[in-house]
Every structure is written in C-alpha cells, then in structure tokens.
Amino acid sequence: MNINIHIERLILDGLPITHSQRPLVQASVEAELARLLASDGLTSALQIGGAVPYMPGGSIQLARDSNPHKLGQQIAQAVYGGIGG
C-alpha cells in the first residue's frame, strides 16, 4: 500500500517556531501521519469515504525545547487521534 500525504496549508498560530521552521514542521507532520496511517490505518467510519465536516483530534504539550521535527510528530499524532484506526 502506498500512502502519499500532502498538506497544502498548515496554520500554526501561536506556536514557538520561526517562519523558516514552518516547512520543517509541515514535512514532519506529513511523514508522521503517513507512517501512522500505514501502520494502523483509518477509523472504520472514514474507510467508507464521504465528507466529514468536523473531526476532533488530540492535544499536544509544548515543551520549551521543542524542535520542528518533534512538534510536527506531535501534531500528526494529535490529528491521527481523530482519524486513526
């Protein structure tokens, strides 16, 4: 199974990252979300397809020493909390 994830727009209001770190966070979110989907799949409600107007996710804990890669992983894991299998 091939899973390709591309996030066209990722809004990161209030996060402790610089403008130059945003692409790093986005790439990390895409990679981690692809990994999680490949290993654990989607929730059965999403496997049948269709539009979903709202999907709650998890939460993240920001650390003072968060780096863009770790932050991207946390965001992906929070998103996967709402869509994961």
PDB file of N, CA and C in Angstrom:
ATOM      1  N   MET A   1       0.845  -1.178   0.000  1.00  0.00           N
ATOM      2  CA  MET A   1       0.000   0.000   0.000  1.00  0.00           C
ATOM      3  C   MET A   1       0.888   1.238   0.000  1.00  0.00           C
ATOM      4  N   ASN A   2       0.577   2.162  -0.879  1.00  0.00           N
ATOM      5  CA  ASN A   2       1.287   3.438  -0.922  1.00  0.00           C
ATOM      6  C   ASN A   2       0.410   4.512  -0.317  1.00  0.00           C
ATOM      7  N   ILE A   3       0.991   5.284   0.566  1.00  0.00           N
ATOM      8  CA  ILE A   3       0.278   6.411   1.164  1.00  0.00           C
ATOM      9  C   ILE A   3       1.109   7.656   0.913  1.00  0.00           C
ATOM     10  N   ASN A   4       0.501   8.610   0.234  1.00  0.00           N
ATOM     11  CA  ASN A   4       1.136   9.903  -0.015  1.00  0.00           C
ATOM     12  C   ASN A   4       0.289  10.975   0.643  1.00  0.00           C
ATOM     13  N   ILE A   5       0.920  11.782   1.449  1.00  0.00           N
ATOM     14  CA  ILE A   5       0.206  12.866   2.128  1.00  0.00           C
ATOM     15  C   ILE A   5       0.860  14.180   1.744  1.00  0.00           C
ATOM     16  N   HIS A   6       0.015  15.100   1.335  1.00  0.00           N
ATOM     17  CA  HIS A   6       0.475  16.449   1.038  1.00  0.00           C
ATOM     18  C   HIS A   6      -0.467  17.416   1.731  1.00  0.00           C
ATOM     19  N   ILE A   7       0.085  18.239   2.577  1.00  0.00           N
ATOM     20  CA  ILE A   7      -0.710  19.263   3.268  1.00  0.00           C
ATOM     21  C   ILE A   7      -0.480  20.570   2.529  1.00  0.00           C
ATOM     22  N   GLU A   8      -1.548  21.052   1.918  1.00  0.00           N
ATOM     23  CA  GLU A   8      -1.420  22.275   1.143  1.00  0.00           C
ATOM     24  C   GLU A   8      -1.225  23.493   2.037  1.00  0.00           C
ATOM     25  N   ARG A   9      -1.954  23.524   3.138  1.00  0.00           N
ATOM     26  CA  ARG A   9      -1.886  24.680   4.027  1.00  0.00           C
ATOM     27  C   ARG A   9      -1.968  24.195   5.461  1.00  0.00           C
ATOM     28  N   LEU A  10      -1.005  24.592   6.269  1.00  0.00           N
ATOM     29  CA  LEU A  10      -0.963  24.234   7.673  1.00  0.00           C
ATOM     30  C   LEU A  10      -0.850  25.523   8.476  1.00  0.00           C
ATOM     31  N   ILE A  11      -1.868  25.811   9.255  1.00  0.00           N
ATOM     32  CA  ILE A  11      -1.895  27.045  10.040  1.00  0.00           C
ATOM     33  C   ILE A  11      -1.385  26.739  11.441  1.00  0.00           C
ATOM     34  N   LEU A  12      -0.351  27.444  11.851  1.00  0.00           N
ATOM     35  CA  LEU A  12       0.311  27.193  13.128  1.00  0.00           C
ATOM     36  C   LEU A  12       0.316  28.458  13.981  1.00  0.00           C
ATOM     37  N   ASP A  13      -0.845  28.943  14.310  1.00  0.00           N
ATOM     38  CA  ASP A  13      -0.947  30.162  15.116  1.00  0.00           C
ATOM     39  C   ASP A  13      -0.476  29.920  16.537  1.00  0.00           C
ATOM     40  N   GLY A  14       0.358  30.809  17.022  1.00  0.00           N
ATOM     41  CA  GLY A  14       0.766  30.791  18.418  1.00  0.00           C
ATOM     42  C   GLY A  14       1.811  29.754  18.780  1.00  0.00           C
ATOM     43  N   LEU A  15       2.383  29.065  17.811  1.00  0.00           N
ATOM     44  CA  LEU A  15       3.404  28.069  18.124  1.00  0.00           C
ATOM     45  C   LEU A  15       4.785  28.708  18.131  1.00  0.00           C
ATOM     46  N   PRO A  16       5.675  28.216  18.965  1.00  0.00           N
ATOM     47  CA  PRO A  16       7.006  28.821  19.108  1.00  0.00           C
ATOM     48  C   PRO A  16       7.976  28.383  18.011  1.00  0.00           C
ATOM     49  N   ILE A  17       7.647  28.718  16.767  1.00  0.00           N
ATOM     50  CA  ILE A  17       8.540  28.391  15.656  1.00  0.00           C
ATOM     51  C   ILE A  17       8.744  29.619  14.790  1.00  0.00           C
ATOM     52  N   THR A  18       9.869  29.629  14.105  1.00  0.00           N
ATOM     53  CA  THR A  18      10.166  30.736  13.203  1.00  0.00           C
ATOM     54  C   THR A  18       9.558  30.451  11.828  1.00  0.00           C
ATOM     55  N   HIS A  19       9.520  31.466  11.001  1.00  0.00           N
ATOM     56  CA  HIS A  19       8.988  31.318   9.648  1.00  0.00           C
ATOM     57  C   HIS A  19       9.764  30.255   8.874  1.00  0.00           C
ATOM     58  N   SER A  20      11.071  30.213   9.049  1.00  0.00           N
ATOM     59  CA  SER A  20      11.899  29.245   8.313  1.00  0.00           C
ATOM     60  C   SER A  20      11.707  27.814   8.817  1.00  0.00           C
ATOM     61  N   GLN A  21      11.163  27.641  10.013  1.00  0.00           N
ATOM     62  CA  GLN A  21      10.933  26.306  10.556  1.00  0.00           C
ATOM     63  C   GLN A  21       9.598  25.706  10.119  1.00  0.00           C
ATOM     64  N   ARG A  22       8.709  26.525   9.582  1.00  0.00           N
ATOM     65  CA  ARG A  22       7.383  26.045   9.185  1.00  0.00           C
ATOM     66  C   ARG A  22       7.438  24.896   8.176  1.00  0.00           C
ATOM     67  N   PRO A  23       8.248  24.982   7.115  1.00  0.00           N
ATOM     68  CA  PRO A  23       8.305  23.850   6.180  1.00  0.00           C
ATOM     69  C   PRO A  23       8.808  22.563   6.840  1.00  0.00           C
ATOM     70  N   LEU A  24       9.687  22.692   7.822  1.00  0.00           N
ATOM     71  CA  LEU A  24      10.188  21.522   8.541  1.00  0.00           C
ATOM     72  C   LEU A  24       9.084  20.869   9.356  1.00  0.00           C
ATOM     73  N   VAL A  25       8.262  21.694  10.005  1.00  0.00           N
ATOM     74  CA  VAL A  25       7.132  21.173  10.775  1.00  0.00           C
ATOM     75  C   VAL A  25       6.146  20.489   9.834  1.00  0.00           C
ATOM     76  N   GLN A  26       5.835  21.125   8.710  1.00  0.00           N
ATOM     77  CA  GLN A  26       4.890  20.556   7.757  1.00  0.00           C
ATOM     78  C   GLN A  26       5.382  19.210   7.228  1.00  0.00           C
ATOM     79  N   ALA A  27       6.650  19.122   6.855  1.00  0.00           N
ATOM     80  CA  ALA A  27       7.206  17.867   6.353  1.00  0.00           C
ATOM     81  C   ALA A  27       7.152  16.780   7.416  1.00  0.00           C
ATOM     82  N   SER A  28       7.395  17.156   8.644  1.00  0.00           N
ATOM     83  CA  SER A  28       7.347  16.195   9.747  1.00  0.00           C
ATOM     84  C   SER A  28       5.918  15.712   9.999  1.00  0.00           C
ATOM     85  N   VAL A  29       4.953  16.618   9.907  1.00  0.00           N
ATOM     86  CA  VAL A  29       3.540  16.230  10.055  1.00  0.00           C
ATOM     87  C   VAL A  29       3.167  15.236   8.958  1.00  0.00           C
ATOM     88  N   GLU A  30       3.517  15.542   7.728  1.00  0.00           N
ATOM     89  CA  GLU A  30       3.185  14.668   6.608  1.00  0.00           C
ATOM     90  C   GLU A  30       3.818  13.287   6.776  1.00  0.00           C
ATOM     91  N   ALA A  31       5.095  13.238   7.141  1.00  0.00           N
ATOM     92  CA  ALA A  31       5.799  11.961   7.285  1.00  0.00           C
ATOM     93  C   ALA A  31       5.226  11.125   8.430  1.00  0.00           C
ATOM     94  N   GLU A  32       4.987  11.736   9.560  1.00  0.00           N
ATOM     95  CA  GLU A  32       4.464  11.004  10.713  1.00  0.00           C
ATOM     96  C   GLU A  32       3.044  10.533  10.471  1.00  0.00           C
ATOM     97  N   LEU A  33       2.224  11.362   9.850  1.00  0.00           N
ATOM     98  CA  LEU A  33       0.848  10.966   9.562  1.00  0.00           C
ATOM     99  C   LEU A  33       0.827   9.802   8.564  1.00  0.00           C
ATOM    100  N   ALA A  34       1.699   9.838   7.566  1.00  0.00           N
ATOM    101  CA  ALA A  34       1.792   8.729   6.615  1.00  0.00           C
ATOM    102  C   ALA A  34       2.231   7.454   7.327  1.00  0.00           C
ATOM    103  N   ARG A  35       3.173   7.571   8.228  1.00  0.00           N
ATOM    104  CA  ARG A  35       3.651   6.401   8.972  1.00  0.00           C
ATOM    105  C   ARG A  35       2.529   5.794   9.809  1.00  0.00           C
ATOM    106  N   LEU A  36       1.798   6.643  10.517  1.00  0.00           N
ATOM    107  CA  LEU A  36       0.706   6.165  11.368  1.00  0.00           C
ATOM    108  C   LEU A  36      -0.407   5.518  10.538  1.00  0.00           C
ATOM    109  N   LEU A  37      -0.752   6.129   9.425  1.00  0.00           N
ATOM    110  CA  LEU A  37      -1.792   5.570   8.563  1.00  0.00           C
ATOM    111  C   LEU A  37      -1.364   4.233   7.960  1.00  0.00           C
ATOM    112  N   ALA A  38      -0.097   4.128   7.585  1.00  0.00           N
ATOM    113  CA  ALA A  38       0.406   2.884   7.007  1.00  0.00           C
ATOM    114  C   ALA A  38       0.420   1.758   8.029  1.00  0.00           C
ATOM    115  N   SER A  39       0.728   2.086   9.267  1.00  0.00           N
ATOM    116  CA  SER A  39       0.836   1.030  10.277  1.00  0.00           C
ATOM    117  C   SER A  39      -0.498   0.692  10.929  1.00  0.00           C
ATOM    118  N   ASP A  40      -1.370   1.677  11.134  1.00  0.00           N
ATOM    119  CA  ASP A  40      -2.602   1.433  11.893  1.00  0.00           C
ATOM    120  C   ASP A  40      -3.891   1.750  11.143  1.00  0.00           C
ATOM    121  N   GLY A  41      -3.812   2.366   9.975  1.00  0.00           N
ATOM    122  CA  GLY A  41      -4.991   2.617   9.157  1.00  0.00           C
ATOM    123  C   GLY A  41      -5.909   3.716   9.666  1.00  0.00           C
ATOM    124  N   LEU A  42      -7.079   3.765   9.052  1.00  0.00           N
ATOM    125  CA  LEU A  42      -8.116   4.751   9.378  1.00  0.00           C
ATOM    126  C   LEU A  42      -9.197   4.124  10.245  1.00  0.00           C
ATOM    127  N   THR A  43      -9.934   4.974  10.932  1.00  0.00           N
ATOM    128  CA  THR A  43     -11.109   4.518  11.657  1.00  0.00           C
ATOM    129  C   THR A  43     -12.130   3.988  10.642  1.00  0.00           C
ATOM    130  N   SER A  44     -12.931   3.036  11.048  1.00  0.00           N
ATOM    131  CA  SER A  44     -13.878   2.408  10.123  1.00  0.00           C
ATOM    132  C   SER A  44     -14.856   3.415   9.523  1.00  0.00           C
ATOM    133  N   ALA A  45     -15.206   4.461  10.262  1.00  0.00           N
ATOM    134  CA  ALA A  45     -16.128   5.479   9.750  1.00  0.00           C
ATOM    135  C   ALA A  45     -15.541   6.215   8.547  1.00  0.00           C
ATOM    136  N   LEU A  46     -14.230   6.373   8.507  1.00  0.00           N
ATOM    137  CA  LEU A  46     -13.593   7.070   7.387  1.00  0.00           C
ATOM    138  C   LEU A  46     -13.238   6.128   6.249  1.00  0.00           C
ATOM    139  N   GLN A  47     -13.150   4.844   6.503  1.00  0.00           N
ATOM    140  CA  GLN A  47     -12.796   3.889   5.459  1.00  0.00           C
ATOM    141  C   GLN A  47     -13.870   3.795   4.376  1.00  0.00           C
ATOM    142  N   ILE A  48     -15.118   4.092   4.739  1.00  0.00           N
ATOM    143  CA  ILE A  48     -16.199   4.010   3.757  1.00  0.00           C
ATOM    144  C   ILE A  48     -16.255   5.238   2.856  1.00  0.00           C
ATOM    145  N   GLY A  49     -15.536   6.301   3.210  1.00  0.00           N
ATOM    146  CA  GLY A  49     -15.482   7.501   2.379  1.00  0.00           C
ATOM    147  C   GLY A  49     -16.542   8.509   2.747  1.00  0.00           C
ATOM    148  N   GLY A  50     -16.597   9.589   1.987  1.00  0.00           N
ATOM    149  CA  GLY A  50     -17.556  10.647   2.236  1.00  0.00           C
ATOM    150  C   GLY A  50     -16.918  11.841   2.909  1.00  0.00           C
ATOM    151  N   ALA A  51     -17.682  12.888   3.030  1.00  0.00           N
ATOM    152  CA  ALA A  51     -17.210  14.131   3.646  1.00  0.00           C
ATOM    153  C   ALA A  51     -17.526  14.136   5.133  1.00  0.00           C
ATOM    154  N   VAL A  52     -16.601  14.688   5.889  1.00  0.00           N
ATOM    155  CA  VAL A  52     -16.775  14.808   7.337  1.00  0.00           C
ATOM    156  C   VAL A  52     -16.579  16.276   7.692  1.00  0.00           C
ATOM    157  N   PRO A  53     -17.621  16.944   8.208  1.00  0.00           N
ATOM    158  CA  PRO A  53     -17.499  18.380   8.479  1.00  0.00           C
ATOM    159  C   PRO A  53     -16.597  18.719   9.662  1.00  0.00           C
ATOM    160  N   TYR A  54     -16.441  17.792  10.587  1.00  0.00           N
ATOM    161  CA  TYR A  54     -15.634  18.081  11.775  1.00  0.00           C
ATOM    162  C   TYR A  54     -15.075  16.778  12.314  1.00  0.00           C
ATOM    163  N   MET A  55     -13.810  16.782  12.674  1.00  0.00           N
ATOM    164  CA  MET A  55     -13.192  15.603  13.249  1.00  0.00           C
ATOM    165  C   MET A  55     -12.289  16.062  14.393  1.00  0.00           C
ATOM    166  N   PRO A  56     -12.672  15.751  15.630  1.00  0.00           N
ATOM    167  CA  PRO A  56     -11.834  16.175  16.752  1.00  0.00           C
ATOM    168  C   PRO A  56     -10.527  15.400  16.767  1.00  0.00           C
ATOM    169  N   GLY A  57      -9.485  16.047  17.183  1.00  0.00           N
ATOM    170  CA  GLY A  57      -8.180  15.394  17.300  1.00  0.00           C
ATOM    171  C   GLY A  57      -7.750  15.346  18.746  1.00  0.00           C
ATOM    172  N   GLY A  58      -6.507  15.053  18.953  1.00  0.00           N
ATOM    173  CA  GLY A  58      -5.960  15.012  20.303  1.00  0.00           C
ATOM    174  C   GLY A  58      -5.346  16.349  20.664  1.00  0.00           C
ATOM    175  N   SER A  59      -4.580  16.334  21.720  1.00  0.00           N
ATOM    176  CA  SER A  59      -3.915  17.563  22.150  1.00  0.00           C
ATOM    177  C   SER A  59      -2.409  17.338  22.172  1.00  0.00           C
ATOM    178  N   ILE A  60      -1.671  18.427  22.231  1.00  0.00           N
ATOM    179  CA  ILE A  60      -0.216  18.342  22.309  1.00  0.00           C
ATOM    180  C   ILE A  60       0.262  19.158  23.500  1.00  0.00           C
ATOM    181  N   GLN A  61       1.402  18.782  24.002  1.00  0.00           N
ATOM    182  CA  GLN A  61       2.043  19.516  25.084  1.00  0.00           C
ATOM    183  C   GLN A  61       3.302  20.157  24.523  1.00  0.00           C
ATOM    184  N   LEU A  62       3.352  21.467  24.563  1.00  0.00           N
ATOM    185  CA  LEU A  62       4.525  22.166  24.044  1.00  0.00           C
ATOM    186  C   LEU A  62       5.613  22.221  25.107  1.00  0.00           C
ATOM    187  N   ALA A  63       6.813  21.867  24.702  1.00  0.00           N
ATOM    188  CA  ALA A  63       7.973  21.967  25.586  1.00  0.00           C
ATOM    189  C   ALA A  63       8.801  23.169  25.149  1.00  0.00           C
ATOM    190  N   ARG A  64       9.514  23.722  26.081  1.00  0.00           N
ATOM    191  CA  ARG A  64      10.346  24.891  25.749  1.00  0.00           C
ATOM    192  C   ARG A  64      11.418  24.554  24.710  1.00  0.00           C
ATOM    193  N   ASP A  65      11.875  23.321  24.730  1.00  0.00           N
ATOM    194  CA  ASP A  65      12.951  22.934  23.818  1.00  0.00           C
ATOM    195  C   ASP A  65      12.434  22.154  22.607  1.00  0.00           C
ATOM    196  N   SER A  66      11.164  22.342  22.245  1.00  0.00           N
ATOM    197  CA  SER A  66      10.604  21.629  21.093  1.00  0.00           C
ATOM    198  C   SER A  66      11.329  22.024  19.822  1.00  0.00           C
ATOM    199  N   ASN A  67      11.650  21.023  19.027  1.00  0.00           N
ATOM    200  CA  ASN A  67      12.233  21.309  17.723  1.00  0.00           C
ATOM    201  C   ASN A  67      11.160  21.066  16.667  1.00  0.00           C
ATOM    202  N   PRO A  68      11.357  21.568  15.447  1.00  0.00           N
ATOM    203  CA  PRO A  68      10.320  21.444  14.411  1.00  0.00           C
ATOM    204  C   PRO A  68       9.926  19.999  14.124  1.00  0.00           C
ATOM    205  N   HIS A  69      10.886  19.092  14.142  1.00  0.00           N
ATOM    206  CA  HIS A  69      10.583  17.683  13.856  1.00  0.00           C
ATOM    207  C   HIS A  69       9.677  17.093  14.937  1.00  0.00           C
ATOM    208  N   LYS A  70      10.013  17.306  16.176  1.00  0.00           N
ATOM    209  CA  LYS A  70       9.224  16.771  17.291  1.00  0.00           C
ATOM    210  C   LYS A  70       7.836  17.404  17.312  1.00  0.00           C
ATOM    211  N   LEU A  71       7.762  18.690  17.065  1.00  0.00           N
ATOM    212  CA  LEU A  71       6.483  19.389  17.035  1.00  0.00           C
ATOM    213  C   LEU A  71       5.591  18.838  15.917  1.00  0.00           C
ATOM    214  N   GLY A  72       6.169  18.586  14.748  1.00  0.00           N
ATOM    215  CA  GLY A  72       5.416  18.007  13.640  1.00  0.00           C
ATOM    216  C   GLY A  72       4.888  16.625  13.979  1.00  0.00           C
ATOM    217  N   GLN A  73       5.699  15.825  14.660  1.00  0.00           N
ATOM    218  CA  GLN A  73       5.254  14.496  15.086  1.00  0.00           C
ATOM    219  C   GLN A  73       4.082  14.599  16.048  1.00  0.00           C
ATOM    220  N   GLN A  74       4.166  15.520  16.986  1.00  0.00           N
ATOM    221  CA  GLN A  74       3.087  15.694  17.964  1.00  0.00           C
ATOM    222  C   GLN A  74       1.780  16.111  17.284  1.00  0.00           C
ATOM    223  N   ILE A  75       1.876  17.035  16.341  1.00  0.00           N
ATOM    224  CA  ILE A  75       0.692  17.494  15.621  1.00  0.00           C
ATOM    225  C   ILE A  75       0.066  16.329  14.849  1.00  0.00           C
ATOM    226  N   ALA A  76       0.894  15.557  14.151  1.00  0.00           N
ATOM    227  CA  ALA A  76       0.388  14.410  13.386  1.00  0.00           C
ATOM    228  C   ALA A  76      -0.281  13.391  14.303  1.00  0.00           C
ATOM    229  N   GLN A  77       0.303  13.135  15.447  1.00  0.00           N
ATOM    230  CA  GLN A  77      -0.276  12.183  16.387  1.00  0.00           C
ATOM    231  C   GLN A  77      -1.603  12.680  16.931  1.00  0.00           C
ATOM    232  N   ALA A  78      -1.710  13.997  17.131  1.00  0.00           N
ATOM    233  CA  ALA A  78      -2.988  14.565  17.582  1.00  0.00           C
ATOM    234  C   ALA A  78      -4.045  14.438  16.495  1.00  0.00           C
ATOM    235  N   VAL A  79      -3.676  14.708  15.249  1.00  0.00           N
ATOM    236  CA  VAL A  79      -4.605  14.554  14.129  1.00  0.00           C
ATOM    237  C   VAL A  79      -5.014  13.093  14.009  1.00  0.00           C
ATOM    238  N   TYR A  80      -4.046  12.213  14.086  1.00  0.00           N
ATOM    239  CA  TYR A  80      -4.340  10.786  13.953  1.00  0.00           C
ATOM    240  C   TYR A  80      -5.256  10.292  15.070  1.00  0.00           C
ATOM    241  N   GLY A  81      -5.221  10.954  16.216  1.00  0.00           N
ATOM    242  CA  GLY A  81      -6.120  10.596  17.304  1.00  0.00           C
ATOM    243  C   GLY A  81      -7.589  10.696  16.890  1.00  0.00           C
ATOM    244  N   GLY A  82      -7.903  11.527  15.931  1.00  0.00           N
ATOM    245  CA  GLY A  82      -9.269  11.681  15.449  1.00  0.00           C
ATOM    246  C   GLY A  82      -9.624  10.820  14.260  1.00  0.00           C
ATOM    247  N   ILE A  83      -8.613  10.413  13.482  1.00  0.00           N
ATOM    248  CA  ILE A  83      -8.899   9.677  12.248  1.00  0.00           C
ATOM    249  C   ILE A  83      -8.380   8.238  12.269  1.00  0.00           C
ATOM    250  N   GLY A  84      -7.581   7.922  13.268  1.00  0.00           N
ATOM    251  CA  GLY A  84      -6.891   6.634  13.278  1.00  0.00           C
ATOM    252  C   GLY A  84      -7.745   5.440  13.622  1.00  0.00           C
ATOM    253  N   GLY A  85      -7.247   4.267  13.201  1.00  0.00           N
ATOM    254  CA  GLY A  85      -7.942   3.012  13.392  1.00  0.00           C
ATOM    255  C   GLY A  85      -7.666   2.329  14.683  1.00  0.00           C
TER     256      GLY A  85
END
